[in-house]
């Protein structure tokens, strides 16, 4: 039974006249939309990529490579003072781009959002795959998808060397992690 109004789910199982109950309480402070939910298979191509972004106002702390470091502790600061979040300046159409080194077939791309604050920064963005690194040429790039709010996953099914995430409009682009999978 699912009771959406009370944020709890319960189920009853009868096994040889023994009732067993499972009850799950959904914590409203945890937002499951911070994580892409579709299962993926294959190799994460981003772990060997190089990344750039439109600006890096905080230097190495907030640099583009933070989104491909394999760390999903999505906070600006965590134990040891290390962070794993990218950060651009406030600008028009900020972007982040990964160079896979050669053209690769990409099944899907997963984008993880920052968790400590500022989740609203990752909104109204497009995900592109191309063989041209020039951001000005995104009109000729293959658009895998548009995500209007928060993290997500786009099914791409396209080959390209460059993966670009770009906010449509003005703002700051902050990413926790980006993964691209190929079967």
N, C-alpha and C. Protein backbone atom coordinates (compact mmCIF):
# COMPACT_ATOMS: atom_id res chain seq x y z
N UNK A 1 0.85 -1.17 0.00
CA UNK A 1 0.00 0.00 0.00
C UNK A 1 0.90 1.24 0.00
N UNK A 2 0.58 2.19 -0.81
CA UNK A 2 1.33 3.43 -0.85
C UNK A 2 0.39 4.57 -0.49
N UNK A 3 0.75 5.32 0.52
CA UNK A 3 -0.03 6.47 0.94
C UNK A 3 0.80 7.71 0.65
N UNK A 4 0.56 8.34 -0.48
CA UNK A 4 1.35 9.48 -0.89
C UNK A 4 1.19 10.69 0.01
N UNK A 5 0.06 10.79 0.66
CA UNK A 5 -0.17 11.95 1.53
C UNK A 5 0.62 11.87 2.83
N UNK A 6 0.89 10.66 3.31
CA UNK A 6 1.61 10.55 4.58
C UNK A 6 3.09 10.22 4.37
N UNK A 7 3.54 10.14 3.13
CA UNK A 7 4.93 9.84 2.81
C UNK A 7 5.41 8.52 3.38
N UNK A 8 4.56 7.50 3.39
CA UNK A 8 5.03 6.20 3.84
C UNK A 8 4.49 5.12 2.92
N UNK A 9 5.23 4.03 2.87
CA UNK A 9 4.87 2.89 2.06
C UNK A 9 4.92 1.66 2.95
N UNK A 10 3.95 0.78 2.84
CA UNK A 10 4.01 -0.45 3.62
C UNK A 10 3.51 -1.60 2.76
N UNK A 11 3.96 -2.80 3.11
CA UNK A 11 3.53 -4.00 2.39
C UNK A 11 3.43 -5.13 3.40
N UNK A 12 2.50 -6.04 3.17
CA UNK A 12 2.36 -7.19 4.05
C UNK A 12 2.60 -8.46 3.23
N UNK A 13 3.33 -9.41 3.80
CA UNK A 13 3.61 -10.68 3.15
C UNK A 13 3.12 -11.79 4.08
N UNK A 14 2.46 -12.79 3.53
CA UNK A 14 2.00 -13.91 4.34
C UNK A 14 2.75 -15.15 3.89
N UNK A 15 3.53 -15.72 4.80
CA UNK A 15 4.30 -16.90 4.50
C UNK A 15 4.01 -17.91 5.59
N UNK A 16 3.25 -18.95 5.27
CA UNK A 16 2.88 -19.99 6.24
C UNK A 16 2.23 -19.37 7.48
N UNK A 17 1.28 -18.48 7.23
CA UNK A 17 0.51 -17.81 8.28
C UNK A 17 1.36 -16.92 9.18
N UNK A 18 2.53 -16.55 8.75
CA UNK A 18 3.35 -15.61 9.49
C UNK A 18 3.30 -14.29 8.73
N UNK A 19 2.77 -13.29 9.35
CA UNK A 19 2.72 -11.98 8.70
C UNK A 19 4.02 -11.23 8.92
N UNK A 20 4.52 -10.68 7.88
CA UNK A 20 5.72 -9.87 7.96
C UNK A 20 5.42 -8.55 7.28
N UNK A 21 5.81 -7.49 7.93
CA UNK A 21 5.51 -6.18 7.41
C UNK A 21 6.80 -5.42 7.12
N UNK A 22 6.76 -4.68 6.06
CA UNK A 22 7.86 -3.79 5.72
C UNK A 22 7.27 -2.40 5.62
N UNK A 23 7.87 -1.47 6.29
CA UNK A 23 7.39 -0.10 6.21
C UNK A 23 8.57 0.81 5.91
N UNK A 24 8.40 1.64 4.91
CA UNK A 24 9.45 2.56 4.50
C UNK A 24 8.93 3.98 4.68
N UNK A 25 9.65 4.76 5.46
CA UNK A 25 9.29 6.16 5.64
C UNK A 25 10.18 6.98 4.73
N UNK A 26 9.55 7.79 3.94
CA UNK A 26 10.31 8.67 3.04
C UNK A 26 10.68 9.93 3.78
N UNK A 27 11.96 10.20 3.83
CA UNK A 27 12.44 11.40 4.50
C UNK A 27 12.30 12.58 3.55
N UNK A 28 11.42 13.55 3.83
CA UNK A 28 11.22 14.65 2.90
C UNK A 28 12.45 15.53 2.73
N UNK A 29 13.42 15.44 3.64
CA UNK A 29 14.62 16.26 3.47
C UNK A 29 15.59 15.64 2.47
N UNK A 30 15.40 14.37 2.13
CA UNK A 30 16.22 13.73 1.12
C UNK A 30 15.47 13.78 -0.20
N UNK A 31 16.06 14.37 -1.18
CA UNK A 31 15.39 14.51 -2.46
C UNK A 31 15.95 13.48 -3.43
N UNK A 32 15.19 12.41 -3.73
CA UNK A 32 15.72 11.40 -4.63
C UNK A 32 15.97 11.94 -6.03
N UNK A 33 15.45 13.10 -6.36
CA UNK A 33 15.70 13.67 -7.68
C UNK A 33 17.12 14.22 -7.81
N UNK A 34 17.92 14.17 -6.72
CA UNK A 34 19.32 14.58 -6.83
C UNK A 34 20.15 13.55 -7.56
N UNK A 35 19.58 12.36 -7.78
CA UNK A 35 20.33 11.28 -8.39
C UNK A 35 19.59 10.75 -9.61
N UNK A 36 20.30 10.53 -10.70
CA UNK A 36 19.67 9.87 -11.83
C UNK A 36 19.24 8.46 -11.41
N UNK A 37 18.14 7.95 -11.96
CA UNK A 37 17.61 6.70 -11.45
C UNK A 37 17.65 5.55 -12.44
N UNK A 38 17.91 5.77 -13.69
CA UNK A 38 17.91 4.68 -14.64
C UNK A 38 19.21 3.89 -14.52
N UNK A 39 19.14 2.56 -14.55
CA UNK A 39 20.36 1.76 -14.46
C UNK A 39 21.19 1.91 -15.73
N UNK A 40 22.49 1.86 -15.58
CA UNK A 40 23.37 1.97 -16.73
C UNK A 40 24.32 0.78 -16.74
N UNK A 41 24.78 0.46 -17.92
CA UNK A 41 25.74 -0.63 -18.09
C UNK A 41 26.86 -0.13 -18.97
N UNK A 42 27.98 -0.78 -18.84
CA UNK A 42 29.10 -0.45 -19.71
C UNK A 42 30.17 0.32 -18.98
N UNK A 43 31.02 0.94 -19.76
CA UNK A 43 32.20 1.64 -19.26
C UNK A 43 31.91 3.14 -19.14
N UNK A 44 32.32 3.73 -18.01
CA UNK A 44 32.19 5.18 -17.85
C UNK A 44 33.35 5.84 -18.59
N UNK A 45 33.05 6.44 -19.72
CA UNK A 45 34.07 7.04 -20.58
C UNK A 45 34.69 8.29 -19.98
N UNK A 46 34.02 8.91 -19.02
CA UNK A 46 34.51 10.17 -18.44
C UNK A 46 35.75 9.98 -17.56
N UNK A 47 35.96 8.78 -17.04
CA UNK A 47 37.08 8.59 -16.12
C UNK A 47 38.44 8.77 -16.78
N UNK A 48 38.49 8.74 -18.11
CA UNK A 48 39.75 8.99 -18.81
C UNK A 48 39.70 10.27 -19.64
N UNK A 49 38.67 11.08 -19.45
CA UNK A 49 38.49 12.31 -20.23
C UNK A 49 39.25 13.48 -19.61
N UNK A 50 39.32 14.56 -20.35
CA UNK A 50 39.83 15.84 -19.84
C UNK A 50 38.67 16.83 -19.97
N UNK A 51 38.58 17.77 -19.02
CA UNK A 51 37.44 18.68 -19.01
C UNK A 51 37.86 20.13 -18.93
N UNK A 52 37.03 20.98 -19.50
CA UNK A 52 37.17 22.43 -19.42
C UNK A 52 35.79 23.01 -19.09
N UNK A 53 35.77 24.27 -18.68
CA UNK A 53 34.50 24.96 -18.50
C UNK A 53 34.68 26.43 -18.88
N UNK A 54 33.58 27.12 -19.01
CA UNK A 54 33.61 28.49 -19.53
C UNK A 54 34.38 29.45 -18.64
N UNK A 55 34.45 29.20 -17.34
CA UNK A 55 35.25 30.02 -16.43
C UNK A 55 35.52 29.22 -15.16
N UNK A 56 36.57 29.60 -14.45
CA UNK A 56 36.92 28.93 -13.19
C UNK A 56 37.32 29.99 -12.17
N UNK A 57 36.35 30.67 -11.56
CA UNK A 57 36.67 31.77 -10.66
C UNK A 57 37.42 31.35 -9.39
N UNK A 58 37.36 30.07 -9.04
CA UNK A 58 38.02 29.60 -7.82
C UNK A 58 39.24 28.73 -8.12
N UNK A 59 39.72 28.78 -9.35
CA UNK A 59 40.90 28.00 -9.72
C UNK A 59 40.66 26.51 -9.60
N UNK A 60 41.63 25.80 -8.98
CA UNK A 60 41.53 24.34 -8.87
C UNK A 60 40.33 23.91 -8.03
N UNK A 61 39.94 24.72 -7.06
CA UNK A 61 38.76 24.41 -6.26
C UNK A 61 37.55 24.87 -7.06
N UNK A 62 36.91 23.96 -7.73
CA UNK A 62 35.78 24.29 -8.60
C UNK A 62 36.11 24.09 -10.06
N UNK A 63 37.27 23.52 -10.36
CA UNK A 63 37.70 23.31 -11.74
C UNK A 63 36.84 22.25 -12.44
N UNK A 64 36.87 22.27 -13.74
CA UNK A 64 36.05 21.38 -14.57
C UNK A 64 36.31 19.91 -14.30
N UNK A 65 37.54 19.53 -13.98
CA UNK A 65 37.86 18.12 -13.78
C UNK A 65 37.20 17.52 -12.54
N UNK A 66 36.64 18.34 -11.68
CA UNK A 66 35.95 17.84 -10.48
C UNK A 66 34.73 16.99 -10.87
N UNK A 67 34.15 17.25 -12.05
CA UNK A 67 32.96 16.51 -12.49
C UNK A 67 33.29 15.16 -13.10
N UNK A 68 34.58 14.84 -13.26
CA UNK A 68 34.95 13.55 -13.83
C UNK A 68 36.00 12.84 -12.97
N UNK A 69 35.98 13.14 -11.68
CA UNK A 69 36.97 12.53 -10.77
C UNK A 69 36.48 11.23 -10.16
N UNK A 70 35.25 10.83 -10.47
CA UNK A 70 34.70 9.58 -9.95
C UNK A 70 34.19 9.68 -8.53
N UNK A 71 34.21 10.87 -7.94
CA UNK A 71 33.77 11.06 -6.56
C UNK A 71 32.36 11.66 -6.57
N UNK A 72 31.45 10.98 -5.90
CA UNK A 72 30.07 11.47 -5.84
C UNK A 72 29.73 12.02 -4.48
N UNK A 73 30.72 12.51 -3.73
CA UNK A 73 30.45 13.25 -2.52
C UNK A 73 30.22 14.68 -2.99
N UNK A 74 28.99 15.03 -3.20
CA UNK A 74 28.63 16.21 -3.97
C UNK A 74 28.53 17.48 -3.14
N UNK A 75 29.58 17.79 -2.41
CA UNK A 75 29.61 18.99 -1.58
C UNK A 75 30.83 19.82 -1.94
N UNK A 76 30.69 21.13 -1.78
CA UNK A 76 31.81 22.03 -2.03
C UNK A 76 32.97 21.70 -1.09
N UNK A 77 32.67 21.51 0.17
CA UNK A 77 33.68 21.12 1.15
C UNK A 77 33.20 19.89 1.89
N UNK A 78 34.07 18.91 2.03
CA UNK A 78 33.79 17.80 2.93
C UNK A 78 35.09 17.43 3.62
N UNK A 79 35.06 16.40 4.41
CA UNK A 79 36.20 16.03 5.26
C UNK A 79 37.53 16.21 4.54
N UNK A 80 38.43 16.90 5.17
CA UNK A 80 39.75 17.13 4.61
C UNK A 80 39.81 18.39 3.78
N UNK A 81 38.69 19.09 3.63
CA UNK A 81 38.68 20.33 2.87
C UNK A 81 38.68 20.15 1.37
N UNK A 82 38.56 18.91 0.89
CA UNK A 82 38.55 18.63 -0.54
C UNK A 82 37.12 18.80 -1.05
N UNK A 83 36.99 19.28 -2.24
CA UNK A 83 35.66 19.36 -2.83
C UNK A 83 35.62 18.60 -4.14
N UNK A 84 34.43 18.26 -4.56
CA UNK A 84 34.26 17.54 -5.81
C UNK A 84 33.12 18.17 -6.60
N UNK A 85 33.13 19.49 -6.70
CA UNK A 85 32.08 20.22 -7.39
C UNK A 85 32.71 21.26 -8.30
N UNK A 86 32.18 21.38 -9.52
CA UNK A 86 32.65 22.43 -10.43
C UNK A 86 31.94 23.73 -10.10
N UNK A 87 32.47 24.85 -10.59
CA UNK A 87 31.85 26.15 -10.33
C UNK A 87 32.33 27.15 -11.39
N UNK A 88 31.40 27.69 -12.16
CA UNK A 88 31.74 28.76 -13.11
C UNK A 88 31.39 30.11 -12.48
N UNK A 89 31.79 31.16 -13.16
CA UNK A 89 31.34 32.50 -12.78
C UNK A 89 29.88 32.65 -13.18
N UNK A 90 29.23 33.69 -12.69
CA UNK A 90 27.91 34.04 -13.20
C UNK A 90 28.13 34.62 -14.58
N UNK A 91 27.54 34.01 -15.59
CA UNK A 91 27.76 34.44 -16.97
C UNK A 91 26.61 33.97 -17.85
N UNK A 92 26.58 34.45 -19.06
CA UNK A 92 25.57 34.05 -20.01
C UNK A 92 25.99 32.74 -20.66
N UNK A 93 25.11 31.74 -20.63
CA UNK A 93 25.32 30.43 -21.26
C UNK A 93 26.58 29.72 -20.75
N UNK A 94 26.77 29.60 -19.44
CA UNK A 94 27.95 28.89 -18.95
C UNK A 94 27.93 27.43 -19.42
N UNK A 95 29.13 26.88 -19.64
CA UNK A 95 29.20 25.51 -20.13
C UNK A 95 30.32 24.74 -19.44
N UNK A 96 30.21 23.42 -19.57
CA UNK A 96 31.22 22.47 -19.13
C UNK A 96 31.39 21.50 -20.29
N UNK A 97 32.64 21.12 -20.58
CA UNK A 97 32.87 20.23 -21.72
C UNK A 97 33.95 19.21 -21.40
N UNK A 98 33.70 17.96 -21.78
CA UNK A 98 34.68 16.88 -21.62
C UNK A 98 35.16 16.44 -22.99
N UNK A 99 36.46 16.20 -23.09
CA UNK A 99 37.09 15.66 -24.30
C UNK A 99 37.41 14.19 -24.02
N UNK A 100 36.75 13.30 -24.73
CA UNK A 100 36.95 11.87 -24.54
C UNK A 100 38.22 11.36 -25.22
N UNK A 101 38.91 12.21 -25.97
CA UNK A 101 40.15 11.83 -26.63
C UNK A 101 39.97 11.32 -28.05
N UNK A 102 38.86 10.68 -28.30
CA UNK A 102 38.51 10.22 -29.65
C UNK A 102 37.00 10.03 -29.69
N UNK A 103 36.47 9.89 -30.87
CA UNK A 103 35.03 9.70 -31.00
C UNK A 103 34.63 8.36 -30.38
N UNK A 104 33.62 8.41 -29.51
CA UNK A 104 33.14 7.24 -28.79
C UNK A 104 31.62 7.14 -28.93
N UNK A 105 31.11 5.93 -29.01
CA UNK A 105 29.67 5.75 -28.99
C UNK A 105 29.19 5.92 -27.54
N UNK A 106 28.20 6.76 -27.33
CA UNK A 106 27.68 7.05 -25.99
C UNK A 106 26.22 6.62 -25.92
N UNK A 107 25.97 5.66 -25.04
CA UNK A 107 24.59 5.21 -24.82
C UNK A 107 23.80 6.25 -24.04
N UNK A 108 24.32 6.63 -22.87
CA UNK A 108 23.61 7.60 -22.04
C UNK A 108 24.59 8.38 -21.19
N UNK A 109 24.11 9.52 -20.73
CA UNK A 109 24.91 10.44 -19.92
C UNK A 109 24.15 10.73 -18.64
N UNK A 110 24.85 10.62 -17.51
CA UNK A 110 24.24 10.88 -16.21
C UNK A 110 24.88 12.13 -15.61
N UNK A 111 24.05 13.03 -15.10
CA UNK A 111 24.51 14.29 -14.51
C UNK A 111 24.07 14.32 -13.06
N UNK A 112 25.03 14.51 -12.14
CA UNK A 112 24.76 14.56 -10.71
C UNK A 112 24.87 16.00 -10.22
N UNK A 113 23.98 16.38 -9.35
CA UNK A 113 23.93 17.74 -8.83
C UNK A 113 24.66 17.86 -7.49
N UNK A 114 25.05 19.03 -7.20
CA UNK A 114 25.63 19.39 -5.91
C UNK A 114 24.56 19.17 -4.83
N UNK A 115 24.98 18.76 -3.63
CA UNK A 115 24.02 18.44 -2.57
C UNK A 115 24.03 19.40 -1.39
N UNK A 116 25.09 20.14 -1.19
CA UNK A 116 25.19 20.97 0.01
C UNK A 116 24.39 22.25 -0.08
N UNK A 117 24.28 22.81 -1.23
CA UNK A 117 23.49 24.03 -1.44
C UNK A 117 23.35 24.25 -2.94
N UNK A 118 22.69 25.33 -3.29
CA UNK A 118 22.72 25.86 -4.66
C UNK A 118 22.23 24.90 -5.73
N UNK A 119 21.35 23.98 -5.37
CA UNK A 119 20.85 22.99 -6.32
C UNK A 119 20.14 23.64 -7.51
N UNK A 120 19.60 24.82 -7.28
CA UNK A 120 18.85 25.51 -8.33
C UNK A 120 19.73 25.95 -9.50
N UNK A 121 21.05 25.94 -9.32
CA UNK A 121 21.95 26.33 -10.40
C UNK A 121 21.91 25.35 -11.56
N UNK A 122 21.64 24.10 -11.27
CA UNK A 122 21.60 23.08 -12.32
C UNK A 122 20.17 22.97 -12.83
N UNK A 123 19.82 23.88 -13.72
CA UNK A 123 18.47 23.92 -14.27
C UNK A 123 18.51 24.47 -15.69
N UNK A 124 17.54 24.07 -16.47
CA UNK A 124 17.40 24.54 -17.85
C UNK A 124 18.71 24.42 -18.63
N UNK A 125 19.19 23.19 -18.74
CA UNK A 125 20.45 22.96 -19.45
C UNK A 125 20.27 21.91 -20.54
N UNK A 126 21.16 21.98 -21.51
CA UNK A 126 21.16 21.03 -22.62
C UNK A 126 22.44 20.22 -22.58
N UNK A 127 22.33 19.00 -23.08
CA UNK A 127 23.47 18.09 -23.15
C UNK A 127 23.72 17.77 -24.62
N UNK A 128 24.95 18.03 -25.06
CA UNK A 128 25.33 17.86 -26.46
C UNK A 128 26.47 16.87 -26.60
N UNK A 129 26.53 16.21 -27.75
CA UNK A 129 27.68 15.39 -28.14
C UNK A 129 28.08 15.82 -29.54
N UNK A 130 29.39 16.01 -29.75
CA UNK A 130 29.86 16.43 -31.07
C UNK A 130 31.30 15.99 -31.29
N UNK A 131 31.78 16.19 -32.49
CA UNK A 131 33.18 15.97 -32.81
C UNK A 131 33.92 17.29 -32.95
N UNK A 132 33.23 18.37 -32.71
CA UNK A 132 33.79 19.72 -32.80
C UNK A 132 33.83 20.33 -31.40
N UNK A 133 35.02 20.75 -30.94
CA UNK A 133 35.10 21.29 -29.59
C UNK A 133 34.59 22.72 -29.45
N UNK A 134 34.31 23.38 -30.55
CA UNK A 134 33.93 24.79 -30.48
C UNK A 134 32.51 24.95 -29.95
N UNK A 135 32.41 25.64 -28.85
CA UNK A 135 31.10 25.87 -28.23
C UNK A 135 30.19 26.67 -29.16
N UNK A 136 30.77 27.55 -29.96
CA UNK A 136 29.96 28.36 -30.88
C UNK A 136 29.26 27.49 -31.93
N UNK A 137 29.76 26.27 -32.13
CA UNK A 137 29.17 25.39 -33.14
C UNK A 137 28.18 24.38 -32.56
N UNK A 138 27.65 24.65 -31.39
CA UNK A 138 26.72 23.70 -30.79
C UNK A 138 25.44 23.53 -31.61
N UNK A 139 25.17 24.47 -32.48
CA UNK A 139 23.99 24.32 -33.33
C UNK A 139 24.15 23.11 -34.25
N UNK A 140 25.39 22.73 -34.56
CA UNK A 140 25.61 21.56 -35.41
C UNK A 140 25.87 20.30 -34.58
N UNK A 141 25.90 20.42 -33.25
CA UNK A 141 26.13 19.28 -32.38
C UNK A 141 24.83 18.50 -32.20
N UNK A 142 24.96 17.24 -31.84
CA UNK A 142 23.80 16.41 -31.57
C UNK A 142 23.33 16.71 -30.14
N UNK A 143 22.07 17.10 -30.01
CA UNK A 143 21.52 17.39 -28.69
C UNK A 143 20.89 16.13 -28.12
N UNK A 144 21.52 15.59 -27.07
CA UNK A 144 21.01 14.37 -26.44
C UNK A 144 19.76 14.64 -25.63
N UNK A 145 19.65 15.83 -25.07
CA UNK A 145 18.48 16.12 -24.27
C UNK A 145 18.55 17.47 -23.59
N UNK A 146 17.40 17.88 -23.08
CA UNK A 146 17.28 19.09 -22.29
C UNK A 146 16.71 18.68 -20.93
N UNK A 147 17.33 19.17 -19.87
CA UNK A 147 16.84 18.90 -18.53
C UNK A 147 16.48 20.23 -17.91
N UNK A 148 15.25 20.34 -17.44
CA UNK A 148 14.75 21.62 -16.95
C UNK A 148 15.06 21.87 -15.48
N UNK A 149 15.24 20.81 -14.70
CA UNK A 149 15.47 21.04 -13.27
C UNK A 149 16.27 19.90 -12.67
N UNK A 150 17.43 20.22 -12.14
CA UNK A 150 18.22 19.27 -11.37
C UNK A 150 19.01 18.28 -12.19
N UNK A 151 19.45 17.23 -11.53
CA UNK A 151 20.26 16.21 -12.18
C UNK A 151 19.40 15.37 -13.11
N UNK A 152 20.05 14.53 -13.87
CA UNK A 152 19.26 13.68 -14.74
C UNK A 152 20.10 12.76 -15.58
N UNK A 153 19.41 12.06 -16.44
CA UNK A 153 20.06 11.14 -17.36
C UNK A 153 19.43 11.34 -18.72
N UNK A 154 20.27 11.39 -19.74
CA UNK A 154 19.78 11.49 -21.10
C UNK A 154 20.26 10.28 -21.88
N UNK A 155 19.37 9.72 -22.66
CA UNK A 155 19.70 8.63 -23.57
C UNK A 155 20.25 9.29 -24.82
N UNK A 156 21.45 8.93 -25.20
CA UNK A 156 22.10 9.63 -26.30
C UNK A 156 22.13 8.80 -27.59
N UNK A 157 22.70 7.62 -27.52
CA UNK A 157 22.83 6.76 -28.70
C UNK A 157 23.47 7.50 -29.87
N UNK A 158 24.62 8.07 -29.61
CA UNK A 158 25.30 8.87 -30.62
C UNK A 158 26.81 8.79 -30.39
N UNK A 159 27.58 8.97 -31.45
CA UNK A 159 29.05 8.97 -31.34
C UNK A 159 29.58 10.38 -31.40
N UNK A 160 30.57 10.65 -30.56
CA UNK A 160 31.22 11.96 -30.56
C UNK A 160 32.40 11.97 -29.62
N UNK A 161 33.24 12.97 -29.78
CA UNK A 161 34.42 13.11 -28.94
C UNK A 161 34.18 14.04 -27.75
N UNK A 162 33.30 15.01 -27.92
CA UNK A 162 33.08 16.04 -26.90
C UNK A 162 31.67 15.95 -26.34
N UNK A 163 31.57 16.02 -25.02
CA UNK A 163 30.29 16.08 -24.33
C UNK A 163 30.22 17.45 -23.68
N UNK A 164 29.16 18.19 -23.98
CA UNK A 164 29.03 19.56 -23.47
C UNK A 164 27.70 19.71 -22.73
N UNK A 165 27.76 20.33 -21.58
CA UNK A 165 26.56 20.68 -20.81
C UNK A 165 26.53 22.20 -20.76
N UNK A 166 25.41 22.79 -21.15
CA UNK A 166 25.32 24.25 -21.21
C UNK A 166 23.99 24.73 -20.67
N UNK A 167 24.06 25.67 -19.73
CA UNK A 167 22.85 26.30 -19.21
C UNK A 167 22.32 27.25 -20.27
N UNK A 168 21.02 27.27 -20.43
CA UNK A 168 20.37 28.15 -21.40
C UNK A 168 19.95 29.42 -20.69
N UNK A 169 20.78 30.44 -20.77
CA UNK A 169 20.52 31.69 -20.09
C UNK A 169 21.70 32.05 -19.21
N UNK A 170 21.47 32.95 -18.29
CA UNK A 170 22.54 33.44 -17.42
C UNK A 170 22.52 32.69 -16.10
N UNK A 171 23.71 32.45 -15.55
CA UNK A 171 23.78 31.79 -14.25
C UNK A 171 25.16 31.24 -13.96
N UNK A 172 25.23 30.42 -12.93
CA UNK A 172 26.44 29.70 -12.52
C UNK A 172 26.18 28.22 -12.80
N UNK A 173 27.14 27.55 -13.39
CA UNK A 173 27.01 26.12 -13.61
C UNK A 173 27.87 25.40 -12.58
N UNK A 174 27.22 24.57 -11.75
CA UNK A 174 27.90 23.73 -10.77
C UNK A 174 27.48 22.29 -11.03
N UNK A 175 28.46 21.40 -11.14
CA UNK A 175 28.21 19.98 -11.36
C UNK A 175 28.94 19.18 -10.30
N UNK A 176 28.35 18.08 -9.89
CA UNK A 176 29.04 17.17 -8.98
C UNK A 176 29.80 16.13 -9.81
N UNK A 177 29.10 15.44 -10.65
CA UNK A 177 29.72 14.37 -11.44
C UNK A 177 28.96 14.21 -12.74
N UNK A 178 29.70 13.88 -13.79
CA UNK A 178 29.11 13.58 -15.09
C UNK A 178 29.69 12.24 -15.53
N UNK A 179 28.81 11.35 -15.94
CA UNK A 179 29.22 10.04 -16.42
C UNK A 179 28.65 9.82 -17.81
N UNK A 180 29.44 9.22 -18.69
CA UNK A 180 28.97 8.86 -20.03
C UNK A 180 29.26 7.38 -20.22
N UNK A 181 28.25 6.61 -20.58
CA UNK A 181 28.39 5.16 -20.69
C UNK A 181 28.28 4.68 -22.12
N UNK A 182 29.11 3.71 -22.42
CA UNK A 182 29.10 3.04 -23.70
C UNK A 182 29.06 1.55 -23.42
N UNK A 183 28.19 0.85 -24.13
CA UNK A 183 28.10 -0.60 -23.89
C UNK A 183 29.25 -1.34 -24.55
